[in-house]
Amino acid sequence: MEISIEISLYPLAEEKFKTEIWSFIRTLRNVEGLQVVTNGMSTQVFGEYDLAVDKVMAEIKHVHQTLDAAVFICKFIGGNRSVVEAET
């Protein structure tokens, strides 16, 4: 079973804002078996359900352990939504 996860990370420490976001993204991009796509608003992670959820949650935990405060907004969608369907 596959999953699509959309994540927005908001570190509440301005001086670490970009550094922490890119560190989070790089860590997920280095996981074999995950497809990670970024844009100006969020990061999307696609892959096998257990792998994707386990790795995303582990990285969220790591951010919470290393930052004073951070907010995550996440959407978990069943299936791989990485392919955009053409309008008909």
PDB file of N, CA and C in Angstrom:
ATOM      1  N   MET A   1       0.845  -1.174   0.000  1.00  0.00           N
ATOM      2  CA  MET A   1       0.000   0.000   0.000  1.00  0.00           C
ATOM      3  C   MET A   1       0.890   1.237   0.000  1.00  0.00           C
ATOM      4  N   GLU A   2       0.490   2.227  -0.760  1.00  0.00           N
ATOM      5  CA  GLU A   2       1.258   3.465  -0.871  1.00  0.00           C
ATOM      6  C   GLU A   2       0.545   4.610  -0.151  1.00  0.00           C
ATOM      7  N   ILE A   3       1.321   5.672   0.129  1.00  0.00           N
ATOM      8  CA  ILE A   3       0.779   6.851   0.797  1.00  0.00           C
ATOM      9  C   ILE A   3       1.420   8.103   0.217  1.00  0.00           C
ATOM     10  N   SER A   4       0.689   9.199   0.307  1.00  0.00           N
ATOM     11  CA  SER A   4       1.188  10.526  -0.028  1.00  0.00           C
ATOM     12  C   SER A   4       1.071  11.367   1.230  1.00  0.00           C
ATOM     13  N   ILE A   5       2.152  12.068   1.575  1.00  0.00           N
ATOM     14  CA  ILE A   5       2.147  12.900   2.776  1.00  0.00           C
ATOM     15  C   ILE A   5       2.580  14.301   2.375  1.00  0.00           C
ATOM     16  N   GLU A   6       1.774  15.287   2.739  1.00  0.00           N
ATOM     17  CA  GLU A   6       2.141  16.681   2.508  1.00  0.00           C
ATOM     18  C   GLU A   6       2.487  17.305   3.853  1.00  0.00           C
ATOM     19  N   ILE A   7       3.647  17.954   3.931  1.00  0.00           N
ATOM     20  CA  ILE A   7       4.149  18.475   5.203  1.00  0.00           C
ATOM     21  C   ILE A   7       4.564  19.928   5.035  1.00  0.00           C
ATOM     22  N   SER A   8       4.157  20.753   5.981  1.00  0.00           N
ATOM     23  CA  SER A   8       4.683  22.106   6.090  1.00  0.00           C
ATOM     24  C   SER A   8       5.300  22.220   7.474  1.00  0.00           C
ATOM     25  N   LEU A   9       6.544  22.703   7.520  1.00  0.00           N
ATOM     26  CA  LEU A   9       7.283  22.859   8.772  1.00  0.00           C
ATOM     27  C   LEU A   9       7.488  24.337   9.033  1.00  0.00           C
ATOM     28  N   TYR A  10       7.142  24.765  10.234  1.00  0.00           N
ATOM     29  CA  TYR A  10       7.299  26.151  10.637  1.00  0.00           C
ATOM     30  C   TYR A  10       8.120  26.220  11.919  1.00  0.00           C
ATOM     31  N   PRO A  11       9.465  26.318  11.810  1.00  0.00           N
ATOM     32  CA  PRO A  11      10.273  26.505  13.017  1.00  0.00           C
ATOM     33  C   PRO A  11       9.948  27.875  13.612  1.00  0.00           C
ATOM     34  N   LEU A  12       9.814  27.946  14.912  1.00  0.00           N
ATOM     35  CA  LEU A  12       9.453  29.210  15.542  1.00  0.00           C
ATOM     36  C   LEU A  12      10.673  30.027  15.951  1.00  0.00           C
ATOM     37  N   ALA A  13      11.852  29.616  15.497  1.00  0.00           N
ATOM     38  CA  ALA A  13      13.087  30.365  15.734  1.00  0.00           C
ATOM     39  C   ALA A  13      13.530  30.942  14.394  1.00  0.00           C
ATOM     40  N   GLU A  14      13.380  32.251  14.217  1.00  0.00           N
ATOM     41  CA  GLU A  14      13.658  32.877  12.923  1.00  0.00           C
ATOM     42  C   GLU A  14      15.054  32.620  12.393  1.00  0.00           C
ATOM     43  N   GLU A  15      16.061  32.641  13.270  1.00  0.00           N
ATOM     44  CA  GLU A  15      17.437  32.495  12.807  1.00  0.00           C
ATOM     45  C   GLU A  15      17.724  31.103  12.245  1.00  0.00           C
ATOM     46  N   LYS A  16      16.905  30.110  12.563  1.00  0.00           N
ATOM     47  CA  LYS A  16      17.122  28.740  12.084  1.00  0.00           C
ATOM     48  C   LYS A  16      16.100  28.319  11.039  1.00  0.00           C
ATOM     49  N   PHE A  17      15.271  29.225  10.614  1.00  0.00           N
ATOM     50  CA  PHE A  17      14.130  28.884   9.769  1.00  0.00           C
ATOM     51  C   PHE A  17      14.528  28.068   8.540  1.00  0.00           C
ATOM     52  N   LYS A  18      15.325  28.619   7.643  1.00  0.00           N
ATOM     53  CA  LYS A  18      15.680  27.922   6.399  1.00  0.00           C
ATOM     54  C   LYS A  18      16.585  26.720   6.654  1.00  0.00           C
ATOM     55  N   THR A  19      17.511  26.851   7.571  1.00  0.00           N
ATOM     56  CA  THR A  19      18.437  25.762   7.873  1.00  0.00           C
ATOM     57  C   THR A  19      17.689  24.513   8.318  1.00  0.00           C
ATOM     58  N   GLU A  20      16.756  24.657   9.225  1.00  0.00           N
ATOM     59  CA  GLU A  20      16.016  23.503   9.749  1.00  0.00           C
ATOM     60  C   GLU A  20      15.093  22.892   8.710  1.00  0.00           C
ATOM     61  N   ILE A  21      14.454  23.720   7.913  1.00  0.00           N
ATOM     62  CA  ILE A  21      13.575  23.193   6.866  1.00  0.00           C
ATOM     63  C   ILE A  21      14.375  22.375   5.866  1.00  0.00           C
ATOM     64  N   TRP A  22      15.519  22.907   5.396  1.00  0.00           N
ATOM     65  CA  TRP A  22      16.309  22.178   4.397  1.00  0.00           C
ATOM     66  C   TRP A  22      16.949  20.927   4.982  1.00  0.00           C
ATOM     67  N   SER A  23      17.306  20.961   6.247  1.00  0.00           N
ATOM     68  CA  SER A  23      17.835  19.765   6.895  1.00  0.00           C
ATOM     69  C   SER A  23      16.773  18.667   6.927  1.00  0.00           C
ATOM     70  N   PHE A  24      15.542  19.031   7.268  1.00  0.00           N
ATOM     71  CA  PHE A  24      14.409  18.109   7.297  1.00  0.00           C
ATOM     72  C   PHE A  24      14.207  17.483   5.908  1.00  0.00           C
ATOM     73  N   ILE A  25      14.202  18.321   4.876  1.00  0.00           N
ATOM     74  CA  ILE A  25      13.985  17.851   3.508  1.00  0.00           C
ATOM     75  C   ILE A  25      15.129  16.942   3.056  1.00  0.00           C
ATOM     76  N   ARG A  26      16.378  17.353   3.305  1.00  0.00           N
ATOM     77  CA  ARG A  26      17.529  16.540   2.902  1.00  0.00           C
ATOM     78  C   ARG A  26      17.489  15.154   3.533  1.00  0.00           C
ATOM     79  N   THR A  27      17.133  15.090   4.804  1.00  0.00           N
ATOM     80  CA  THR A  27      17.064  13.795   5.481  1.00  0.00           C
ATOM     81  C   THR A  27      16.066  12.876   4.791  1.00  0.00           C
ATOM     82  N   LEU A  28      14.885  13.395   4.459  1.00  0.00           N
ATOM     83  CA  LEU A  28      13.875  12.579   3.782  1.00  0.00           C
ATOM     84  C   LEU A  28      14.303  12.212   2.366  1.00  0.00           C
ATOM     85  N   ARG A  29      14.975  13.122   1.669  1.00  0.00           N
ATOM     86  CA  ARG A  29      15.440  12.825   0.307  1.00  0.00           C
ATOM     87  C   ARG A  29      16.473  11.709   0.288  1.00  0.00           C
ATOM     88  N   ASN A  30      17.186  11.501   1.377  1.00  0.00           N
ATOM     89  CA  ASN A  30      18.212  10.466   1.445  1.00  0.00           C
ATOM     90  C   ASN A  30      17.661   9.084   1.780  1.00  0.00           C
ATOM     91  N   VAL A  31      16.354   8.974   1.973  1.00  0.00           N
ATOM     92  CA  VAL A  31      15.743   7.676   2.281  1.00  0.00           C
ATOM     93  C   VAL A  31      15.418   6.966   0.966  1.00  0.00           C
ATOM     94  N   GLU A  32      16.085   5.840   0.752  1.00  0.00           N
ATOM     95  CA  GLU A  32      15.818   5.052  -0.453  1.00  0.00           C
ATOM     96  C   GLU A  32      14.382   4.538  -0.417  1.00  0.00           C
ATOM     97  N   GLY A  33      13.681   4.712  -1.520  1.00  0.00           N
ATOM     98  CA  GLY A  33      12.299   4.250  -1.607  1.00  0.00           C
ATOM     99  C   GLY A  33      11.280   5.361  -1.456  1.00  0.00           C
ATOM    100  N   LEU A  34      11.725   6.570  -1.067  1.00  0.00           N
ATOM    101  CA  LEU A  34      10.807   7.704  -0.960  1.00  0.00           C
ATOM    102  C   LEU A  34      11.041   8.672  -2.113  1.00  0.00           C
ATOM    103  N   GLN A  35       9.952   9.210  -2.613  1.00  0.00           N
ATOM    104  CA  GLN A  35      10.020  10.304  -3.585  1.00  0.00           C
ATOM    105  C   GLN A  35       9.652  11.563  -2.816  1.00  0.00           C
ATOM    106  N   VAL A  36      10.505  12.578  -2.860  1.00  0.00           N
ATOM    107  CA  VAL A  36      10.280  13.807  -2.105  1.00  0.00           C
ATOM    108  C   VAL A  36      10.272  14.974  -3.085  1.00  0.00           C
ATOM    109  N   VAL A  37       9.182  15.739  -3.072  1.00  0.00           N
ATOM    110  CA  VAL A  37       8.998  16.885  -3.956  1.00  0.00           C
ATOM    111  C   VAL A  37       8.759  18.108  -3.084  1.00  0.00           C
ATOM    112  N   THR A  38       9.419  19.211  -3.407  1.00  0.00           N
ATOM    113  CA  THR A  38       9.224  20.431  -2.628  1.00  0.00           C
ATOM    114  C   THR A  38       8.736  21.562  -3.522  1.00  0.00           C
ATOM    115  N   ASN A  39       8.042  22.491  -2.885  1.00  0.00           N
ATOM    116  CA  ASN A  39       7.688  23.745  -3.544  1.00  0.00           C
ATOM    117  C   ASN A  39       7.726  24.831  -2.466  1.00  0.00           C
ATOM    118  N   GLY A  40       7.310  26.016  -2.781  1.00  0.00           N
ATOM    119  CA  GLY A  40       7.388  27.123  -1.849  1.00  0.00           C
ATOM    120  C   GLY A  40       6.477  27.027  -0.650  1.00  0.00           C
ATOM    121  N   MET A  41       5.552  26.067  -0.652  1.00  0.00           N
ATOM    122  CA  MET A  41       4.584  25.990   0.434  1.00  0.00           C
ATOM    123  C   MET A  41       4.673  24.720   1.262  1.00  0.00           C
ATOM    124  N   SER A  42       5.192  23.635   0.659  1.00  0.00           N
ATOM    125  CA  SER A  42       5.195  22.371   1.397  1.00  0.00           C
ATOM    126  C   SER A  42       6.170  21.383   0.770  1.00  0.00           C
ATOM    127  N   THR A  43       6.295  20.265   1.446  1.00  0.00           N
ATOM    128  CA  THR A  43       7.065  19.130   0.949  1.00  0.00           C
ATOM    129  C   THR A  43       6.117  17.953   0.832  1.00  0.00           C
ATOM    130  N   GLN A  44       6.178  17.263  -0.288  1.00  0.00           N
ATOM    131  CA  GLN A  44       5.344  16.072  -0.476  1.00  0.00           C
ATOM    132  C   GLN A  44       6.254  14.847  -0.472  1.00  0.00           C
ATOM    133  N   VAL A  45       5.808  13.822   0.245  1.00  0.00           N
ATOM    134  CA  VAL A  45       6.551  12.570   0.345  1.00  0.00           C
ATOM    135  C   VAL A  45       5.638  11.453  -0.166  1.00  0.00           C
ATOM    136  N   PHE A  46       6.167  10.654  -1.089  1.00  0.00           N
ATOM    137  CA  PHE A  46       5.403   9.553  -1.682  1.00  0.00           C
ATOM    138  C   PHE A  46       6.194   8.269  -1.515  1.00  0.00           C
ATOM    139  N   GLY A  47       5.487   7.183  -1.196  1.00  0.00           N
ATOM    140  CA  GLY A  47       6.166   5.908  -1.090  1.00  0.00           C
ATOM    141  C   GLY A  47       5.341   4.856  -0.397  1.00  0.00           C
ATOM    142  N   GLU A  48       5.993   3.747  -0.079  1.00  0.00           N
ATOM    143  CA  GLU A  48       5.345   2.644   0.616  1.00  0.00           C
ATOM    144  C   GLU A  48       4.898   3.138   1.989  1.00  0.00           C
ATOM    145  N   TYR A  49       3.694   2.780   2.378  1.00  0.00           N
ATOM    146  CA  TYR A  49       3.029   3.331   3.564  1.00  0.00           C
ATOM    147  C   TYR A  49       3.888   3.291   4.823  1.00  0.00           C
ATOM    148  N   ASP A  50       4.317   2.108   5.232  1.00  0.00           N
ATOM    149  CA  ASP A  50       5.053   1.988   6.492  1.00  0.00           C
ATOM    150  C   ASP A  50       6.384   2.726   6.449  1.00  0.00           C
ATOM    151  N   LEU A  51       7.102   2.628   5.348  1.00  0.00           N
ATOM    152  CA  LEU A  51       8.381   3.320   5.213  1.00  0.00           C
ATOM    153  C   LEU A  51       8.183   4.836   5.316  1.00  0.00           C
ATOM    154  N   ALA A  52       7.248   5.362   4.542  1.00  0.00           N
ATOM    155  CA  ALA A  52       7.032   6.813   4.520  1.00  0.00           C
ATOM    156  C   ALA A  52       6.587   7.342   5.879  1.00  0.00           C
ATOM    157  N   VAL A  53       5.616   6.691   6.488  1.00  0.00           N
ATOM    158  CA  VAL A  53       5.112   7.151   7.782  1.00  0.00           C
ATOM    159  C   VAL A  53       6.198   7.042   8.854  1.00  0.00           C
ATOM    160  N   ASP A  54       6.904   5.933   8.887  1.00  0.00           N
ATOM    161  CA  ASP A  54       7.965   5.751   9.886  1.00  0.00           C
ATOM    162  C   ASP A  54       9.047   6.821   9.756  1.00  0.00           C
ATOM    163  N   LYS A  55       9.516   7.071   8.539  1.00  0.00           N
ATOM    164  CA  LYS A  55      10.599   8.031   8.328  1.00  0.00           C
ATOM    165  C   LYS A  55      10.141   9.461   8.584  1.00  0.00           C
ATOM    166  N   VAL A  56       8.944   9.815   8.141  1.00  0.00           N
ATOM    167  CA  VAL A  56       8.430  11.173   8.390  1.00  0.00           C
ATOM    168  C   VAL A  56       8.243  11.410   9.886  1.00  0.00           C
ATOM    169  N   MET A  57       7.658  10.451  10.587  1.00  0.00           N
ATOM    170  CA  MET A  57       7.430  10.631  12.025  1.00  0.00           C
ATOM    171  C   MET A  57       8.750  10.676  12.796  1.00  0.00           C
ATOM    172  N   ALA A  58       9.735   9.884  12.385  1.00  0.00           N
ATOM    173  CA  ALA A  58      11.042   9.918  13.044  1.00  0.00           C
ATOM    174  C   ALA A  58      11.702  11.282  12.852  1.00  0.00           C
ATOM    175  N   GLU A  59      11.572  11.850  11.670  1.00  0.00           N
ATOM    176  CA  GLU A  59      12.178  13.152  11.419  1.00  0.00           C
ATOM    177  C   GLU A  59      11.421  14.274  12.142  1.00  0.00           C
ATOM    178  N   ILE A  60      10.107  14.152  12.241  1.00  0.00           N
ATOM    179  CA  ILE A  60       9.337  15.119  13.032  1.00  0.00           C
ATOM    180  C   ILE A  60       9.788  15.063  14.489  1.00  0.00           C
ATOM    181  N   LYS A  61       9.960  13.862  15.013  1.00  0.00           N
ATOM    182  CA  LYS A  61      10.434  13.715  16.398  1.00  0.00           C
ATOM    183  C   LYS A  61      11.812  14.346  16.563  1.00  0.00           C
ATOM    184  N   HIS A  62      12.697  14.109  15.607  1.00  0.00           N
ATOM    185  CA  HIS A  62      14.040  14.692  15.673  1.00  0.00           C
ATOM    186  C   HIS A  62      13.982  16.217  15.717  1.00  0.00           C
ATOM    187  N   VAL A  63      13.150  16.824  14.886  1.00  0.00           N
ATOM    188  CA  VAL A  63      13.015  18.287  14.890  1.00  0.00           C
ATOM    189  C   VAL A  63      12.513  18.766  16.244  1.00  0.00           C
ATOM    190  N   HIS A  64      11.520  18.088  16.803  1.00  0.00           N
ATOM    191  CA  HIS A  64      11.001  18.497  18.113  1.00  0.00           C
ATOM    192  C   HIS A  64      12.033  18.325  19.224  1.00  0.00           C
ATOM    193  N   GLN A  65      12.936  17.368  19.071  1.00  0.00           N
ATOM    194  CA  GLN A  65      13.981  17.169  20.077  1.00  0.00           C
ATOM    195  C   GLN A  65      15.097  18.202  19.972  1.00  0.00           C
ATOM    196  N   THR A  66      15.296  18.772  18.776  1.00  0.00           N
ATOM    197  CA  THR A  66      16.432  19.671  18.574  1.00  0.00           C
ATOM    198  C   THR A  66      16.071  21.146  18.541  1.00  0.00           C
ATOM    199  N   LEU A  67      14.831  21.488  18.303  1.00  0.00           N
ATOM    200  CA  LEU A  67      14.395  22.888  18.264  1.00  0.00           C
ATOM    201  C   LEU A  67      13.612  23.233  19.522  1.00  0.00           C
ATOM    202  N   ASP A  68      13.644  24.497  19.867  1.00  0.00           N
ATOM    203  CA  ASP A  68      12.828  24.949  20.997  1.00  0.00           C
ATOM    204  C   ASP A  68      11.346  24.776  20.688  1.00  0.00           C
ATOM    205  N   ALA A  69      10.959  25.136  19.466  1.00  0.00           N
ATOM    206  CA  ALA A  69       9.559  25.007  19.086  1.00  0.00           C
ATOM    207  C   ALA A  69       9.439  24.954  17.566  1.00  0.00           C
ATOM    208  N   ALA A  70       8.569  24.098  17.086  1.00  0.00           N
ATOM    209  CA  ALA A  70       8.294  23.985  15.658  1.00  0.00           C
ATOM    210  C   ALA A  70       6.866  23.483  15.480  1.00  0.00           C
ATOM    211  N   VAL A  71       6.228  23.959  14.428  1.00  0.00           N
ATOM    212  CA  VAL A  71       4.867  23.547  14.110  1.00  0.00           C
ATOM    213  C   VAL A  71       4.904  22.772  12.797  1.00  0.00           C
ATOM    214  N   PHE A  72       4.206  21.644  12.755  1.00  0.00           N
ATOM    215  CA  PHE A  72       4.053  20.863  11.534  1.00  0.00           C
ATOM    216  C   PHE A  72       2.577  20.835  11.153  1.00  0.00           C
ATOM    217  N   ILE A  73       2.314  21.022   9.878  1.00  0.00           N
ATOM    218  CA  ILE A  73       0.982  20.813   9.315  1.00  0.00           C
ATOM    219  C   ILE A  73       1.143  19.648   8.344  1.00  0.00           C
ATOM    220  N   CYS A  74       0.395  18.558   8.560  1.00  0.00           N
ATOM    221  CA  CYS A  74       0.554  17.361   7.737  1.00  0.00           C
ATOM    222  C   CYS A  74      -0.787  16.868   7.209  1.00  0.00           C
ATOM    223  N   LYS A  75      -0.741  16.340   5.990  1.00  0.00           N
ATOM    224  CA  LYS A  75      -1.888  15.657   5.395  1.00  0.00           C
ATOM    225  C   LYS A  75      -1.417  14.275   4.971  1.00  0.00           C
ATOM    226  N   PHE A  76      -2.153  13.255   5.342  1.00  0.00           N
ATOM    227  CA  PHE A  76      -1.845  11.880   4.976  1.00  0.00           C
ATOM    228  C   PHE A  76      -2.959  11.394   4.040  1.00  0.00           C
ATOM    229  N   ILE A  77      -2.581  11.016   2.815  1.00  0.00           N
ATOM    230  CA  ILE A  77      -3.548  10.648   1.793  1.00  0.00           C
ATOM    231  C   ILE A  77      -3.223   9.250   1.295  1.00  0.00           C
ATOM    232  N   GLY A  78      -4.180   8.339   1.374  1.00  0.00           N
ATOM    233  CA  GLY A  78      -3.960   6.981   0.900  1.00  0.00           C
ATOM    234  C   GLY A  78      -3.687   6.950  -0.585  1.00  0.00           C
ATOM    235  N   GLY A  79      -2.710   6.172  -0.990  1.00  0.00           N
ATOM    236  CA  GLY A  79      -2.351   6.039  -2.397  1.00  0.00           C
ATOM    237  C   GLY A  79      -1.249   7.006  -2.793  1.00  0.00           C
ATOM    238  N   ASN A  80      -0.651   6.761  -3.929  1.00  0.00           N
ATOM    239  CA  ASN A  80       0.417   7.606  -4.444  1.00  0.00           C
ATOM    240  C   ASN A  80      -0.192   8.663  -5.356  1.00  0.00           C
ATOM    241  N   ARG A  81      -0.162   9.899  -4.915  1.00  0.00           N
ATOM    242  CA  ARG A  81      -0.734  11.016  -5.663  1.00  0.00           C
ATOM    243  C   ARG A  81       0.338  11.840  -6.365  1.00  0.00           C
ATOM    244  N   SER A  82       1.496  11.239  -6.626  1.00  0.00           N
ATOM    245  CA  SER A  82       2.593  11.990  -7.239  1.00  0.00           C
ATOM    246  C   SER A  82       2.349  12.306  -8.706  1.00  0.00           C
ATOM    247  N   VAL A  83       1.481  11.540  -9.351  1.00  0.00           N
ATOM    248  CA  VAL A  83       1.167  11.794 -10.757  1.00  0.00           C
ATOM    249  C   VAL A  83      -0.092  12.649 -10.815  1.00  0.00           C
ATOM    250  N   VAL A  84       0.038  13.806 -11.421  1.00  0.00           N
ATOM    251  CA  VAL A  84      -1.103  14.717 -11.553  1.00  0.00           C
ATOM    252  C   VAL A  84      -1.974  14.243 -12.693  1.00  0.00           C
ATOM    253  N   GLU A  85      -3.259  14.106 -12.412  1.00  0.00           N
ATOM    254  CA  GLU A  85      -4.192  13.674 -13.441  1.00  0.00           C
ATOM    255  C   GLU A  85      -4.531  14.847 -14.341  1.00  0.00           C
ATOM    256  N   ALA A  86      -4.545  14.610 -15.645  1.00  0.00           N
ATOM    257  CA  ALA A  86      -4.879  15.657 -16.604  1.00  0.00           C
ATOM    258  C   ALA A  86      -6.370  15.954 -16.548  1.00  0.00           C
ATOM    259  N   GLU A  87      -6.697  17.230 -16.722  1.00  0.00           N
ATOM    260  CA  GLU A  87      -8.112  17.618 -16.779  1.00  0.00           C
ATOM    261  C   GLU A  87      -8.717  17.136 -18.090  1.00  0.00           C
ATOM    262  N   THR A  88      -9.955  16.713 -18.020  1.00  0.00           N
ATOM    263  CA  THR A  88     -10.624  16.263 -19.243  1.00  0.00           C
ATOM    264  C   THR A  88     -11.770  17.150 -19.575  1.00  0.00           C
TER     265      THR A  88
END
